[in-house]
Amino acid sequence: MLLHNRNEEVEHGMMTLEWLRRNDDKFDRFTRRYLFTDADIIGIEEAADEAAAAGEGAPAAAVSDGSLGIRGLRGA
């Protein structure tokens, strides 16, 4: 029973993060940069800092389309 409740709360937390990603451009940019990649997180940050210092903007994220496969609730 406790595991089920924990898993439900993890699911709710992930749904909140996905809502934030969809509704906040900056949040979306950072999630695409850091999540779902095997690249070293510190390396990603250093590359982004170097690119920003050179005026190039942030490097492209090494992720798929960013979708977590969460469907809309409208019409459910």
PDB file of N, CA and C in Angstrom:
ATOM      1  N   MET A   1       0.815  -1.193   0.000  1.00  0.00           N
ATOM      2  CA  MET A   1       0.000   0.000   0.000  1.00  0.00           C
ATOM      3  C   MET A   1       0.858   1.257   0.000  1.00  0.00           C
ATOM      4  N   LEU A   2       1.931   1.264   0.797  1.00  0.00           N
ATOM      5  CA  LEU A   2       2.805   2.435   0.835  1.00  0.00           C
ATOM      6  C   LEU A   2       3.496   2.659  -0.504  1.00  0.00           C
ATOM      7  N   LEU A   3       3.902   1.584  -1.159  1.00  0.00           N
ATOM      8  CA  LEU A   3       4.545   1.730  -2.466  1.00  0.00           C
ATOM      9  C   LEU A   3       3.575   2.318  -3.485  1.00  0.00           C
ATOM     10  N   HIS A   4       2.346   1.893  -3.443  1.00  0.00           N
ATOM     11  CA  HIS A   4       1.340   2.438  -4.356  1.00  0.00           C
ATOM     12  C   HIS A   4       1.172   3.940  -4.120  1.00  0.00           C
ATOM     13  N   ASN A   5       1.064   4.351  -2.862  1.00  0.00           N
ATOM     14  CA  ASN A   5       0.912   5.773  -2.551  1.00  0.00           C
ATOM     15  C   ASN A   5       2.139   6.568  -2.990  1.00  0.00           C
ATOM     16  N   ARG A   6       3.331   6.004  -2.758  1.00  0.00           N
ATOM     17  CA  ARG A   6       4.550   6.679  -3.195  1.00  0.00           C
ATOM     18  C   ARG A   6       4.545   6.865  -4.706  1.00  0.00           C
ATOM     19  N   ASN A   7       4.192   5.795  -5.425  1.00  0.00           N
ATOM     20  CA  ASN A   7       4.188   5.865  -6.888  1.00  0.00           C
ATOM     21  C   ASN A   7       3.175   6.871  -7.399  1.00  0.00           C
ATOM     22  N   GLU A   8       2.033   6.976  -6.730  1.00  0.00           N
ATOM     23  CA  GLU A   8       1.033   7.976  -7.112  1.00  0.00           C
ATOM     24  C   GLU A   8       1.601   9.386  -6.950  1.00  0.00           C
ATOM     25  N   GLU A   9       2.325   9.630  -5.859  1.00  0.00           N
ATOM     26  CA  GLU A   9       2.893  10.966  -5.628  1.00  0.00           C
ATOM     27  C   GLU A   9       4.007  11.272  -6.619  1.00  0.00           C
ATOM     28  N   VAL A  10       4.800  10.275  -6.982  1.00  0.00           N
ATOM     29  CA  VAL A  10       5.819  10.470  -8.015  1.00  0.00           C
ATOM     30  C   VAL A  10       5.143  10.844  -9.331  1.00  0.00           C
ATOM     31  N   GLU A  11       4.070  10.146  -9.660  1.00  0.00           N
ATOM     32  CA  GLU A  11       3.334  10.449 -10.887  1.00  0.00           C
ATOM     33  C   GLU A  11       2.805  11.885 -10.858  1.00  0.00           C
ATOM     34  N   HIS A  12       2.245  12.302  -9.740  1.00  0.00           N
ATOM     35  CA  HIS A  12       1.723  13.664  -9.631  1.00  0.00           C
ATOM     36  C   HIS A  12       2.843  14.690  -9.754  1.00  0.00           C
ATOM     37  N   GLY A  13       3.974  14.396  -9.144  1.00  0.00           N
ATOM     38  CA  GLY A  13       5.126  15.295  -9.263  1.00  0.00           C
ATOM     39  C   GLY A  13       5.579  15.440 -10.707  1.00  0.00           C
ATOM     40  N   MET A  14       5.633  14.332 -11.431  1.00  0.00           N
ATOM     41  CA  MET A  14       6.058  14.378 -12.833  1.00  0.00           C
ATOM     42  C   MET A  14       5.047  15.116 -13.701  1.00  0.00           C
ATOM     43  N   MET A  15       3.767  14.951 -13.383  1.00  0.00           N
ATOM     44  CA  MET A  15       2.742  15.681 -14.131  1.00  0.00           C
ATOM     45  C   MET A  15       2.896  17.194 -13.913  1.00  0.00           C
ATOM     46  N   THR A  16       3.238  17.580 -12.682  1.00  0.00           N
ATOM     47  CA  THR A  16       3.470  19.000 -12.384  1.00  0.00           C
ATOM     48  C   THR A  16       4.669  19.518 -13.154  1.00  0.00           C
ATOM     49  N   LEU A  17       5.752  18.744 -13.171  1.00  0.00           N
ATOM     50  CA  LEU A  17       6.939  19.164 -13.927  1.00  0.00           C
ATOM     51  C   LEU A  17       6.625  19.301 -15.408  1.00  0.00           C
ATOM     52  N   GLU A  18       5.856  18.390 -15.957  1.00  0.00           N
ATOM     53  CA  GLU A  18       5.506  18.470 -17.371  1.00  0.00           C
ATOM     54  C   GLU A  18       4.629  19.679 -17.641  1.00  0.00           C
ATOM     55  N   TRP A  19       3.715  19.997 -16.741  1.00  0.00           N
ATOM     56  CA  TRP A  19       2.889  21.194 -16.916  1.00  0.00           C
ATOM     57  C   TRP A  19       3.770  22.441 -16.920  1.00  0.00           C
ATOM     58  N   LEU A  20       4.725  22.492 -15.980  1.00  0.00           N
ATOM     59  CA  LEU A  20       5.652  23.625 -15.944  1.00  0.00           C
ATOM     60  C   LEU A  20       6.444  23.723 -17.245  1.00  0.00           C
ATOM     61  N   ARG A  21       6.931  22.587 -17.744  1.00  0.00           N
ATOM     62  CA  ARG A  21       7.705  22.592 -18.978  1.00  0.00           C
ATOM     63  C   ARG A  21       6.879  23.139 -20.134  1.00  0.00           C
ATOM     64  N   ARG A  22       5.631  22.737 -20.201  1.00  0.00           N
ATOM     65  CA  ARG A  22       4.777  23.174 -21.304  1.00  0.00           C
ATOM     66  C   ARG A  22       4.368  24.633 -21.207  1.00  0.00           C
ATOM     67  N   ASN A  23       4.395  25.203 -20.006  1.00  0.00           N
ATOM     68  CA  ASN A  23       3.862  26.540 -19.799  1.00  0.00           C
ATOM     69  C   ASN A  23       4.897  27.585 -19.423  1.00  0.00           C
ATOM     70  N   ASP A  24       6.159  27.219 -19.355  1.00  0.00           N
ATOM     71  CA  ASP A  24       7.213  28.165 -19.001  1.00  0.00           C
ATOM     72  C   ASP A  24       8.395  27.919 -19.943  1.00  0.00           C
ATOM     73  N   ASP A  25       8.638  28.886 -20.812  1.00  0.00           N
ATOM     74  CA  ASP A  25       9.689  28.717 -21.827  1.00  0.00           C
ATOM     75  C   ASP A  25      11.066  28.474 -21.216  1.00  0.00           C
ATOM     76  N   LYS A  26      11.401  29.167 -20.152  1.00  0.00           N
ATOM     77  CA  LYS A  26      12.712  28.986 -19.536  1.00  0.00           C
ATOM     78  C   LYS A  26      12.823  27.591 -18.914  1.00  0.00           C
ATOM     79  N   PHE A  27      11.777  27.151 -18.240  1.00  0.00           N
ATOM     80  CA  PHE A  27      11.760  25.812 -17.657  1.00  0.00           C
ATOM     81  C   PHE A  27      11.921  24.766 -18.753  1.00  0.00           C
ATOM     82  N   ASP A  28      11.213  24.972 -19.856  1.00  0.00           N
ATOM     83  CA  ASP A  28      11.307  24.061 -20.992  1.00  0.00           C
ATOM     84  C   ASP A  28      12.730  24.004 -21.531  1.00  0.00           C
ATOM     85  N   ARG A  29      13.357  25.165 -21.665  1.00  0.00           N
ATOM     86  CA  ARG A  29      14.726  25.205 -22.188  1.00  0.00           C
ATOM     87  C   ARG A  29      15.681  24.409 -21.304  1.00  0.00           C
ATOM     88  N   PHE A  30      15.565  24.580 -19.986  1.00  0.00           N
ATOM     89  CA  PHE A  30      16.478  23.878 -19.086  1.00  0.00           C
ATOM     90  C   PHE A  30      16.173  22.382 -19.004  1.00  0.00           C
ATOM     91  N   THR A  31      14.905  22.002 -19.036  1.00  0.00           N
ATOM     92  CA  THR A  31      14.614  20.565 -19.005  1.00  0.00           C
ATOM     93  C   THR A  31      15.132  19.894 -20.265  1.00  0.00           C
ATOM     94  N   ARG A  32      14.991  20.554 -21.405  1.00  0.00           N
ATOM     95  CA  ARG A  32      15.507  19.973 -22.649  1.00  0.00           C
ATOM     96  C   ARG A  32      17.031  19.885 -22.637  1.00  0.00           C
ATOM     97  N   ARG A  33      17.659  20.808 -21.934  1.00  0.00           N
ATOM     98  CA  ARG A  33      19.122  20.800 -21.874  1.00  0.00           C
ATOM     99  C   ARG A  33      19.638  19.657 -21.002  1.00  0.00           C
ATOM    100  N   TYR A  34      19.013  19.414 -19.860  1.00  0.00           N
ATOM    101  CA  TYR A  34      19.592  18.519 -18.863  1.00  0.00           C
ATOM    102  C   TYR A  34      18.960  17.135 -18.757  1.00  0.00           C
ATOM    103  N   LEU A  35      17.691  16.991 -19.093  1.00  0.00           N
ATOM    104  CA  LEU A  35      17.024  15.712 -18.874  1.00  0.00           C
ATOM    105  C   LEU A  35      17.125  14.785 -20.076  1.00  0.00           C
ATOM    106  N   PHE A  36      17.046  13.522 -19.818  1.00  0.00           N
ATOM    107  CA  PHE A  36      16.994  12.469 -20.835  1.00  0.00           C
ATOM    108  C   PHE A  36      18.208  12.472 -21.756  1.00  0.00           C
ATOM    109  N   THR A  37      19.356  12.692 -21.172  1.00  0.00           N
ATOM    110  CA  THR A  37      20.608  12.615 -21.906  1.00  0.00           C
ATOM    111  C   THR A  37      21.618  11.862 -21.054  1.00  0.00           C
ATOM    112  N   ASP A  38      22.539  11.195 -21.702  1.00  0.00           N
ATOM    113  CA  ASP A  38      23.597  10.501 -20.981  1.00  0.00           C
ATOM    114  C   ASP A  38      24.838  11.374 -20.834  1.00  0.00           C
ATOM    115  N   ALA A  39      24.793  12.572 -21.405  1.00  0.00           N
ATOM    116  CA  ALA A  39      25.943  13.468 -21.343  1.00  0.00           C
ATOM    117  C   ALA A  39      26.176  13.913 -19.894  1.00  0.00           C
ATOM    118  N   ASP A  40      27.414  14.241 -19.581  1.00  0.00           N
ATOM    119  CA  ASP A  40      27.790  14.724 -18.265  1.00  0.00           C
ATOM    120  C   ASP A  40      27.104  16.066 -17.992  1.00  0.00           C
ATOM    121  N   ILE A  41      26.384  16.162 -16.891  1.00  0.00           N
ATOM    122  CA  ILE A  41      25.617  17.377 -16.588  1.00  0.00           C
ATOM    123  C   ILE A  41      26.541  18.586 -16.418  1.00  0.00           C
ATOM    124  N   ILE A  42      27.653  18.406 -15.745  1.00  0.00           N
ATOM    125  CA  ILE A  42      28.599  19.511 -15.565  1.00  0.00           C
ATOM    126  C   ILE A  42      29.161  19.937 -16.925  1.00  0.00           C
ATOM    127  N   GLY A  43      29.436  18.959 -17.785  1.00  0.00           N
ATOM    128  CA  GLY A  43      29.922  19.279 -19.129  1.00  0.00           C
ATOM    129  C   GLY A  43      28.902  20.074 -19.928  1.00  0.00           C
ATOM    130  N   ILE A  44      27.633  19.719 -19.787  1.00  0.00           N
ATOM    131  CA  ILE A  44      26.573  20.455 -20.476  1.00  0.00           C
ATOM    132  C   ILE A  44      26.558  21.903 -19.989  1.00  0.00           C
ATOM    133  N   GLU A  45      26.643  22.078 -18.670  1.00  0.00           N
ATOM    134  CA  GLU A  45      26.620  23.422 -18.085  1.00  0.00           C
ATOM    135  C   GLU A  45      27.823  24.248 -18.536  1.00  0.00           C
ATOM    136  N   GLU A  46      29.000  23.632 -18.528  1.00  0.00           N
ATOM    137  CA  GLU A  46      30.204  24.352 -18.958  1.00  0.00           C
ATOM    138  C   GLU A  46      30.103  24.755 -20.425  1.00  0.00           C
ATOM    139  N   ALA A  47      29.589  23.859 -21.271  1.00  0.00           N
ATOM    140  CA  ALA A  47      29.429  24.184 -22.687  1.00  0.00           C
ATOM    141  C   ALA A  47      28.432  25.322 -22.873  1.00  0.00           C
ATOM    142  N   ALA A  48      27.351  25.322 -22.086  1.00  0.00           N
ATOM    143  CA  ALA A  48      26.355  26.388 -22.175  1.00  0.00           C
ATOM    144  C   ALA A  48      26.956  27.718 -21.726  1.00  0.00           C
ATOM    145  N   ASP A  49      27.754  27.679 -20.651  1.00  0.00           N
ATOM    146  CA  ASP A  49      28.406  28.900 -20.164  1.00  0.00           C
ATOM    147  C   ASP A  49      29.386  29.443 -21.195  1.00  0.00           C
ATOM    148  N   GLU A  50      30.166  28.555 -21.803  1.00  0.00           N
ATOM    149  CA  GLU A  50      31.126  28.984 -22.819  1.00  0.00           C
ATOM    150  C   GLU A  50      30.415  29.563 -24.038  1.00  0.00           C
ATOM    151  N   ALA A  51      29.330  28.923 -24.456  1.00  0.00           N
ATOM    152  CA  ALA A  51      28.578  29.407 -25.606  1.00  0.00           C
ATOM    153  C   ALA A  51      27.965  30.774 -25.304  1.00  0.00           C
ATOM    154  N   ALA A  52      27.443  30.940 -24.081  1.00  0.00           N
ATOM    155  CA  ALA A  52      26.854  32.220 -23.702  1.00  0.00           C
ATOM    156  C   ALA A  52      27.924  33.311 -23.658  1.00  0.00           C
ATOM    157  N   ALA A  53      29.109  32.973 -23.148  1.00  0.00           N
ATOM    158  CA  ALA A  53      30.198  33.948 -23.079  1.00  0.00           C
ATOM    159  C   ALA A  53      30.670  34.353 -24.469  1.00  0.00           C
ATOM    160  N   ALA A  54      30.575  33.423 -25.423  1.00  0.00           N
ATOM    161  CA  ALA A  54      30.992  33.708 -26.798  1.00  0.00           C
ATOM    162  C   ALA A  54      29.861  34.347 -27.594  1.00  0.00           C
ATOM    163  N   GLY A  55      28.699  34.533 -26.958  1.00  0.00           N
ATOM    164  CA  GLY A  55      27.565  35.154 -27.630  1.00  0.00           C
ATOM    165  C   GLY A  55      26.853  34.226 -28.591  1.00  0.00           C
ATOM    166  N   GLU A  56      27.018  32.929 -28.416  1.00  0.00           N
ATOM    167  CA  GLU A  56      26.434  31.957 -29.332  1.00  0.00           C
ATOM    168  C   GLU A  56      25.109  31.401 -28.835  1.00  0.00           C
ATOM    169  N   GLY A  57      24.735  31.686 -27.610  1.00  0.00           N
ATOM    170  CA  GLY A  57      23.532  31.076 -27.052  1.00  0.00           C
ATOM    171  C   GLY A  57      23.853  29.687 -26.563  1.00  0.00           C
ATOM    172  N   ALA A  58      22.852  29.002 -26.074  1.00  0.00           N
ATOM    173  CA  ALA A  58      23.051  27.672 -25.513  1.00  0.00           C
ATOM    174  C   ALA A  58      23.153  26.630 -26.618  1.00  0.00           C
ATOM    175  N   PRO A  59      23.935  25.570 -26.409  1.00  0.00           N
ATOM    176  CA  PRO A  59      24.022  24.501 -27.405  1.00  0.00           C
ATOM    177  C   PRO A  59      22.703  23.744 -27.497  1.00  0.00           C
ATOM    178  N   ALA A  60      22.496  23.097 -28.590  1.00  0.00           N
ATOM    179  CA  ALA A  60      21.275  22.308 -28.770  1.00  0.00           C
ATOM    180  C   ALA A  60      21.252  21.172 -27.761  1.00  0.00           C
ATOM    181  N   ALA A  61      20.092  20.857 -27.250  1.00  0.00           N
ATOM    182  CA  ALA A  61      19.954  19.793 -26.267  1.00  0.00           C
ATOM    183  C   ALA A  61      20.016  18.440 -26.950  1.00  0.00           C
ATOM    184  N   ALA A  62      20.546  17.481 -26.229  1.00  0.00           N
ATOM    185  CA  ALA A  62      20.652  16.120 -26.748  1.00  0.00           C
ATOM    186  C   ALA A  62      19.481  15.292 -26.244  1.00  0.00           C
ATOM    187  N   VAL A  63      18.279  15.681 -26.646  1.00  0.00           N
ATOM    188  CA  VAL A  63      17.081  14.961 -26.239  1.00  0.00           C
ATOM    189  C   VAL A  63      16.224  14.708 -27.452  1.00  0.00           C
ATOM    190  N   SER A  64      15.197  13.893 -27.241  1.00  0.00           N
ATOM    191  CA  SER A  64      14.251  13.633 -28.322  1.00  0.00           C
ATOM    192  C   SER A  64      13.321  14.828 -28.446  1.00  0.00           C
ATOM    193  N   ASP A  65      12.076  14.608 -28.718  1.00  0.00           N
ATOM    194  CA  ASP A  65      11.138  15.714 -28.875  1.00  0.00           C
ATOM    195  C   ASP A  65      10.730  16.324 -27.541  1.00  0.00           C
ATOM    196  N   GLY A  66      11.218  15.802 -26.431  1.00  0.00           N
ATOM    197  CA  GLY A  66      10.914  16.336 -25.120  1.00  0.00           C
ATOM    198  C   GLY A  66       9.613  15.843 -24.529  1.00  0.00           C
ATOM    199  N   SER A  67       8.848  15.077 -25.286  1.00  0.00           N
ATOM    200  CA  SER A  67       7.561  14.606 -24.800  1.00  0.00           C
ATOM    201  C   SER A  67       7.745  13.502 -23.765  1.00  0.00           C
ATOM    202  N   LEU A  68       6.953  13.561 -22.732  1.00  0.00           N
ATOM    203  CA  LEU A  68       6.942  12.483 -21.749  1.00  0.00           C
ATOM    204  C   LEU A  68       5.775  11.541 -21.989  1.00  0.00           C
ATOM    205  N   GLY A  69       5.084  11.749 -23.110  1.00  0.00           N
ATOM    206  CA  GLY A  69       3.963  10.888 -23.436  1.00  0.00           C
ATOM    207  C   GLY A  69       2.735  11.121 -22.597  1.00  0.00           C
ATOM    208  N   ILE A  70       2.639  12.326 -22.020  1.00  0.00           N
ATOM    209  CA  ILE A  70       1.473  12.636 -21.190  1.00  0.00           C
ATOM    210  C   ILE A  70       0.376  13.193 -22.093  1.00  0.00           C
ATOM    211  N   ARG A  71      -0.780  12.585 -22.017  1.00  0.00           N
ATOM    212  CA  ARG A  71      -1.880  13.026 -22.859  1.00  0.00           C
ATOM    213  C   ARG A  71      -2.693  14.097 -22.145  1.00  0.00           C
ATOM    214  N   GLY A  72      -3.419  14.869 -22.906  1.00  0.00           N
ATOM    215  CA  GLY A  72      -4.274  15.884 -22.328  1.00  0.00           C
ATOM    216  C   GLY A  72      -5.454  15.260 -21.604  1.00  0.00           C
ATOM    217  N   LEU A  73      -6.006  15.980 -20.654  1.00  0.00           N
ATOM    218  CA  LEU A  73      -7.147  15.484 -19.895  1.00  0.00           C
ATOM    219  C   LEU A  73      -8.474  15.939 -20.496  1.00  0.00           C
ATOM    220  N   ARG A  74      -8.441  16.862 -21.419  1.00  0.00           N
ATOM    221  CA  ARG A  74      -9.681  17.315 -22.053  1.00  0.00           C
ATOM    222  C   ARG A  74     -10.311  16.169 -22.825  1.00  0.00           C
ATOM    223  N   GLY A  75     -11.569  15.969 -22.622  1.00  0.00           N
ATOM    224  CA  GLY A  75     -12.287  14.911 -23.336  1.00  0.00           C
ATOM    225  C   GLY A  75     -12.053  13.527 -22.749  1.00  0.00           C
ATOM    226  N   ALA A  76     -11.364  13.462 -21.618  1.00  0.00           N
ATOM    227  CA  ALA A  76     -11.080  12.150 -21.002  1.00  0.00           C
ATOM    228  C   ALA A  76     -12.287  11.635 -20.263  1.00  0.00           C
TER     229      ALA A  76
END
